[in-house]
């Protein structure tokens, strides 16, 4: 365990950031699952816009690697394109 005051503070900050990141990734996974469960193309396009926006924000903030975000966006776009109207 940390002995210095600054190290103790760093432990507290890291725990807060870990929880925020965990919530963010959980939100992203939930949106993705909701999108993949959709069979209606209009609903899927709406969810796709929300999900890709979230992916872009997380990539900008460093919660996701930019290539990971791009790969996920590509996979979701392919799924939405293959839905029938």
Protein backbone atom coordinates (compact mmCIF):
# COMPACT_ATOMS: atom_id res chain seq x y z
CA UNK A 1 0.00 0.00 0.00
CA UNK A 2 1.10 3.57 -0.65
CA UNK A 3 2.91 5.45 2.10
CA UNK A 4 3.30 8.94 0.65
CA UNK A 5 0.44 11.41 0.60
CA UNK A 6 0.71 11.88 -3.17
CA UNK A 7 0.72 8.13 -3.76
CA UNK A 8 -2.43 7.73 -1.66
CA UNK A 9 -4.09 10.47 -3.69
CA UNK A 10 -3.04 8.75 -6.91
CA UNK A 11 -4.68 5.51 -5.69
CA UNK A 12 -7.94 7.39 -5.03
CA UNK A 13 -7.85 9.09 -8.44
CA UNK A 14 -7.10 5.85 -10.26
CA UNK A 15 -10.04 4.12 -8.61
CA UNK A 16 -12.42 6.94 -9.64
CA UNK A 17 -11.14 6.86 -13.21
CA UNK A 18 -11.40 3.07 -13.34
CA UNK A 19 -15.08 3.22 -12.34
CA UNK A 20 -15.85 5.98 -14.87
CA UNK A 21 -14.13 4.04 -17.65
CA UNK A 22 -15.94 0.85 -16.63
CA UNK A 23 -19.31 2.63 -16.81
CA UNK A 24 -18.44 4.08 -20.21
CA UNK A 25 -17.44 0.75 -21.73
CA UNK A 26 -20.54 -0.89 -20.23
CA UNK A 27 -22.73 1.78 -21.84
CA UNK A 28 -21.04 1.17 -25.18
CA UNK A 29 -21.52 -2.60 -24.94
CA UNK A 30 -25.20 -2.14 -24.07
CA UNK A 31 -25.78 0.13 -27.08
CA UNK A 32 -23.95 -2.29 -29.35
CA UNK A 33 -25.99 -5.27 -28.15
CA UNK A 34 -29.20 -3.29 -28.61
CA UNK A 35 -28.16 -2.42 -32.16
CA UNK A 36 -27.24 -5.99 -33.06
CA UNK A 37 -30.57 -7.26 -31.69
CA UNK A 38 -32.56 -4.89 -33.92
CA UNK A 39 -34.21 -6.14 -37.09
CA UNK A 40 -35.84 -2.83 -38.10
CA UNK A 41 -33.55 -0.85 -40.42
CA UNK A 42 -34.78 2.62 -39.34
CA UNK A 43 -34.30 1.78 -35.67
CA UNK A 44 -30.89 0.28 -36.44
CA UNK A 45 -29.77 3.45 -38.26
CA UNK A 46 -30.84 5.57 -35.28
CA UNK A 47 -28.91 3.34 -32.86
CA UNK A 48 -25.96 3.24 -35.26
CA UNK A 49 -25.62 7.04 -35.16
CA UNK A 50 -25.72 7.02 -31.35
CA UNK A 51 -23.20 4.18 -31.09
CA UNK A 52 -20.73 5.62 -33.58
CA UNK A 53 -20.86 8.99 -31.83
CA UNK A 54 -20.03 7.30 -28.56
CA UNK A 55 -17.20 5.33 -30.18
CA UNK A 56 -15.70 8.52 -31.61
CA UNK A 57 -15.87 10.30 -28.26
CA UNK A 58 -14.26 7.40 -26.43
CA UNK A 59 -11.50 7.18 -29.03
CA UNK A 60 -10.83 10.92 -28.68
CA UNK A 61 -10.67 10.66 -24.90
CA UNK A 62 -8.43 7.61 -24.98
CA UNK A 63 -10.89 5.15 -23.49
CA UNK A 64 -10.62 3.13 -26.70
CA UNK A 65 -7.81 2.89 -29.21
CA UNK A 66 -8.72 4.74 -32.39
CA UNK A 67 -8.27 1.63 -34.53
CA UNK A 68 -10.54 -0.36 -32.22
CA UNK A 69 -13.22 2.30 -32.56
CA UNK A 70 -12.83 2.32 -36.34
CA UNK A 71 -13.05 -1.47 -36.51
CA UNK A 72 -16.21 -1.56 -34.39
CA UNK A 73 -17.81 1.21 -36.45
CA UNK A 74 -17.03 -0.70 -39.63
CA UNK A 75 -18.55 -3.92 -38.29
CA UNK A 76 -21.70 -2.13 -37.15
CA UNK A 77 -22.04 -0.28 -40.47
CA UNK A 78 -21.78 -3.59 -42.31
CA UNK A 79 -24.50 -5.05 -40.09
CA UNK A 80 -26.85 -2.09 -40.68
CA UNK A 81 -26.24 -2.18 -44.44
CA UNK A 82 -27.18 -5.87 -44.61
CA UNK A 83 -30.55 -5.33 -42.89
CA UNK A 84 -33.53 -5.39 -45.19
CA UNK A 85 -35.84 -2.40 -45.26
